[in-house]
Amino acid sequence: MASKSYHVQLKISWADLPSDAIPHSNKDSDGDLDVISSALAETLVQNMPSEIVELDPGKIMMASLLSSKLVTGILGHLDEQRWGGKYYSGDISASLGETMAYALLEKKFEVKFLDIIPLRQVKYLGFSPDAVIDVSRYPKLISFLGGKGLLFLNARGSYRWSQAWLHRNLRRDIVQVEKVRYPDNFAILTYLYRDQEWKMMAVVIRP
């Protein structure tokens, strides 16, 4: 059984994606997006880890209440000893991905959980990211992103990882998040996975 006395270590790799590098018109080809996604995947692999954060288990529990898949015993699923290569269901993987992304926002940028607006009501339609945050409320976010506006968050999780999985989902998620982010707002795409330890790859899109 996982104990609430320990902290969860998360290794993070960051990469930037300027808005003007993303295809937005009919003149751009699908091949352009493939090239971008492939380059991003390579950068994220090379940058791992960009930083290491220690997440409080109590905050992780609170963050889990915001996930679109309400999974019980979230800390147990993060426990290294219990994990042991177990194949998680899609619901658990999705919940872990969202939960750890929200916990990271709270830890790194001091974002209050009450200010994270989950979009689970429209997520099932297939064109919405997981959550939105008003950047102007948080000086650390303003400094990190370089401006004010809305921050759209899209989070994924997987019990196993490959560069092909990352490339495929980057391509898909960039297309989806740009429908609501472009041209004036921000987005962060996160990808949580287990590779002997918990790791997250994160892409920041700025106007």
Protein backbone atom coordinates (compact mmCIF):
# COMPACT_ATOMS: atom_id res chain seq x y z
CA MET A 1 0.00 0.00 0.00
CA ALA A 2 1.33 3.46 -0.92
CA SER A 3 2.14 5.72 1.99
CA LYS A 4 1.30 9.40 2.11
CA SER A 5 4.64 10.12 3.79
CA TYR A 6 6.71 9.90 0.62
CA HIS A 7 7.01 12.31 -2.29
CA VAL A 8 6.67 11.27 -5.92
CA GLN A 9 9.70 12.19 -8.00
CA LEU A 10 8.93 13.27 -11.55
CA LYS A 11 11.56 13.80 -14.22
CA ILE A 12 10.46 16.31 -16.85
CA SER A 13 11.64 17.14 -20.35
CA TRP A 14 10.55 20.49 -21.85
CA ALA A 15 10.44 21.60 -25.48
CA ASP A 16 9.14 24.79 -27.11
CA LEU A 17 6.95 24.98 -30.20
CA PRO A 18 6.47 28.51 -31.63
CA SER A 19 3.02 29.16 -33.04
CA ASP A 20 4.40 30.32 -36.38
CA ALA A 21 6.08 26.94 -36.88
CA ILE A 22 2.72 25.13 -36.83
CA PRO A 23 0.79 24.65 -40.10
CA HIS A 24 -2.40 26.75 -39.94
CA SER A 25 -3.44 27.18 -43.57
CA ASN A 26 -4.48 24.97 -46.45
CA LYS A 27 -1.16 25.80 -48.11
CA ASP A 28 0.64 23.79 -45.45
CA SER A 29 0.93 20.04 -45.97
CA ASP A 30 0.40 17.15 -43.58
CA GLY A 31 4.06 16.38 -44.12
CA ASP A 32 5.00 19.64 -42.40
CA LEU A 33 3.25 18.49 -39.23
CA ASP A 34 4.99 15.12 -39.39
CA VAL A 35 8.37 16.85 -39.58
CA ILE A 36 7.50 19.10 -36.63
CA SER A 37 6.24 16.20 -34.49
CA SER A 38 9.30 14.11 -35.26
CA ALA A 39 11.67 16.97 -34.40
CA LEU A 40 9.80 17.64 -31.15
CA ALA A 41 9.99 13.98 -30.15
CA GLU A 42 13.75 13.97 -30.75
CA THR A 43 14.18 17.16 -28.70
CA LEU A 44 12.13 15.81 -25.81
CA VAL A 45 14.18 12.62 -25.70
CA GLN A 46 17.45 14.57 -25.75
CA ASN A 47 16.26 16.99 -23.04
CA MET A 48 15.24 14.29 -20.55
CA PRO A 49 15.51 15.35 -17.83
CA SER A 50 15.26 19.15 -18.04
CA GLU A 51 14.31 19.23 -14.37
CA ILE A 52 13.24 17.00 -11.50
CA VAL A 53 10.36 17.90 -9.20
CA GLU A 54 9.10 16.31 -5.99
CA LEU A 55 5.31 16.16 -5.83
CA ASP A 56 3.46 16.02 -2.54
CA PRO A 57 1.12 13.00 -2.31
CA GLY A 58 -1.62 15.09 -0.70
CA LYS A 59 -1.55 17.50 -3.63
CA ILE A 60 -1.61 14.56 -6.05
CA MET A 61 -4.76 13.27 -4.36
CA MET A 62 -6.39 16.70 -4.72
CA ALA A 63 -5.32 16.94 -8.36
CA SER A 64 -6.87 13.56 -9.12
CA LEU A 65 -10.33 14.98 -8.36
CA LEU A 66 -10.02 17.13 -11.49
CA SER A 67 -9.30 14.28 -13.88
CA SER A 68 -11.90 13.24 -16.43
CA LYS A 69 -11.55 9.60 -15.33
CA LEU A 70 -12.20 9.40 -11.59
CA VAL A 71 -9.96 6.53 -10.49
CA THR A 72 -9.72 5.48 -6.84
CA GLY A 73 -6.41 4.79 -5.11
CA ILE A 74 -4.36 7.06 -7.36
CA LEU A 75 -1.31 6.94 -5.06
CA GLY A 76 -1.30 3.16 -5.19
CA HIS A 77 -1.02 3.30 -8.96
CA LEU A 78 2.02 5.59 -8.62
CA ASP A 79 3.77 3.41 -6.05
CA GLU A 80 7.04 2.08 -7.47
CA GLN A 81 6.88 -1.22 -5.57
CA ARG A 82 3.31 -1.92 -6.58
CA TRP A 83 3.77 -0.90 -10.20
CA GLY A 84 6.29 -3.50 -11.32
CA GLY A 85 5.48 -3.21 -15.03
CA LYS A 86 1.76 -3.72 -14.61
CA TYR A 87 -0.36 -3.04 -17.68
CA TYR A 88 -2.80 -0.33 -16.71
CA SER A 89 -6.19 0.23 -18.29
CA GLY A 90 -6.78 3.25 -20.49
CA ASP A 91 -8.81 4.94 -17.74
CA ILE A 92 -6.00 4.62 -15.19
CA SER A 93 -3.34 5.79 -17.65
CA ALA A 94 -5.47 8.79 -18.63
CA SER A 95 -6.17 9.69 -15.01
CA LEU A 96 -2.50 9.45 -14.07
CA GLY A 97 -1.56 11.69 -17.00
CA GLU A 98 -4.05 14.40 -16.07
CA THR A 99 -3.43 14.16 -12.33
CA MET A 100 0.33 14.53 -12.58
CA ALA A 101 0.00 17.44 -15.03
CA TYR A 102 -2.29 19.31 -12.61
CA ALA A 103 0.02 18.52 -9.68
CA LEU A 104 2.96 19.87 -11.68
CA LEU A 105 1.13 23.15 -12.37
CA GLU A 106 0.47 23.53 -8.66
CA LYS A 107 4.07 22.75 -7.69
CA LYS A 108 5.97 24.68 -10.35
CA PHE A 109 3.66 27.67 -10.90
CA GLU A 110 1.59 27.72 -7.69
CA VAL A 111 -1.64 27.33 -9.68
CA LYS A 112 -4.59 26.76 -7.38
CA PHE A 113 -6.61 23.65 -8.18
CA LEU A 114 -9.82 25.70 -7.97
CA ASP A 115 -8.56 27.83 -10.87
CA ILE A 116 -8.05 24.83 -13.15
CA ILE A 117 -11.20 24.49 -15.23
CA PRO A 118 -11.65 20.88 -16.41
CA LEU A 119 -13.25 20.50 -19.82
CA ARG A 120 -14.48 16.96 -19.23
CA GLN A 121 -18.04 17.96 -20.19
CA VAL A 122 -16.98 18.45 -23.81
CA LYS A 123 -13.87 16.27 -23.88
CA TYR A 124 -15.86 13.34 -25.24
CA LEU A 125 -16.62 15.34 -28.39
CA GLY A 126 -12.99 14.90 -29.34
CA PHE A 127 -11.97 18.49 -29.99
CA SER A 128 -11.26 19.85 -26.55
CA PRO A 129 -8.11 19.77 -24.41
CA ASP A 130 -8.36 18.63 -20.80
CA ALA A 131 -8.37 21.96 -18.98
CA VAL A 132 -7.96 25.73 -19.27
CA ILE A 133 -6.32 28.24 -16.90
CA ASP A 134 -6.29 32.05 -16.81
CA VAL A 135 -2.58 32.85 -16.99
CA SER A 136 -3.01 36.43 -15.73
CA ARG A 137 -3.69 35.19 -12.19
CA TYR A 138 -0.24 33.66 -11.80
CA PRO A 139 3.02 35.68 -12.04
CA LYS A 140 5.14 32.52 -12.36
CA LEU A 141 3.07 31.38 -15.35
CA ILE A 142 3.28 34.83 -16.93
CA SER A 143 7.06 34.77 -16.57
CA PHE A 144 7.37 31.21 -17.89
CA LEU A 145 5.06 31.71 -20.87
CA GLY A 146 6.09 35.28 -21.63
CA GLY A 147 2.62 36.81 -21.64
CA LYS A 148 -0.98 36.70 -20.51
CA GLY A 149 -3.98 34.88 -21.93
CA LEU A 150 -5.53 31.45 -21.60
CA LEU A 151 -3.47 28.32 -21.10
CA PHE A 152 -4.95 25.15 -22.58
CA LEU A 153 -3.64 21.89 -21.15
CA ASN A 154 -3.75 18.52 -22.89
CA ALA A 155 -2.44 15.56 -20.87
CA ARG A 156 -1.78 11.95 -21.80
CA GLY A 157 -0.48 8.98 -19.88
CA SER A 158 0.77 5.55 -20.89
CA TYR A 159 1.98 2.46 -19.03
CA ARG A 160 4.61 2.00 -21.72
CA TRP A 161 6.43 4.44 -23.97
CA SER A 162 7.97 4.56 -27.40
CA GLN A 163 9.10 7.40 -29.62
CA ALA A 164 6.53 6.31 -32.20
CA TRP A 165 3.75 6.68 -29.57
CA LEU A 166 5.02 10.15 -28.70
CA HIS A 167 5.30 11.21 -32.35
CA ARG A 168 1.80 9.94 -33.18
CA ASN A 169 0.16 11.67 -30.23
CA LEU A 170 2.09 14.91 -30.66
CA ARG A 171 0.77 15.15 -34.19
CA ARG A 172 -2.79 14.47 -33.08
CA ASP A 173 -2.70 16.76 -30.05
CA ILE A 174 -1.17 19.73 -31.87
CA VAL A 175 -4.02 19.64 -34.40
CA GLN A 176 -6.66 19.45 -31.67
CA VAL A 177 -5.28 22.10 -29.32
CA GLU A 178 -4.70 24.59 -32.13
CA LYS A 179 -8.46 24.65 -32.78
CA VAL A 180 -8.89 26.51 -29.48
CA ARG A 181 -5.45 28.03 -28.77
CA TYR A 182 -4.63 29.79 -32.05
CA PRO A 183 -3.74 32.61 -32.49
CA ASP A 184 -3.44 34.45 -29.17
CA ASN A 185 -3.28 31.92 -26.33
CA PHE A 186 -0.96 29.28 -24.90
CA ALA A 187 -0.91 25.50 -24.62
CA ILE A 188 1.04 22.83 -22.79
CA LEU A 189 0.93 19.23 -24.01
CA THR A 190 2.10 16.66 -21.45
CA TYR A 191 2.96 12.97 -21.81
CA LEU A 192 3.43 10.91 -18.64
CA TYR A 193 4.98 7.46 -18.77
CA ARG A 194 6.84 4.94 -16.65
CA ASP A 195 10.41 4.04 -17.62
CA GLN A 196 11.85 2.57 -14.40
CA GLU A 197 10.76 5.88 -12.87
CA TRP A 198 8.03 8.42 -13.57
CA LYS A 199 8.80 10.78 -16.44
CA MET A 200 6.86 13.48 -18.24
CA MET A 201 7.52 15.14 -21.58
CA ALA A 202 5.99 18.59 -22.03
CA VAL A 203 5.60 20.83 -25.08
CA VAL A 204 4.91 24.55 -24.65
CA ILE A 205 3.13 26.41 -27.47
CA ARG A 206 3.27 30.21 -27.41
CA PRO A 207 1.65 32.79 -29.74
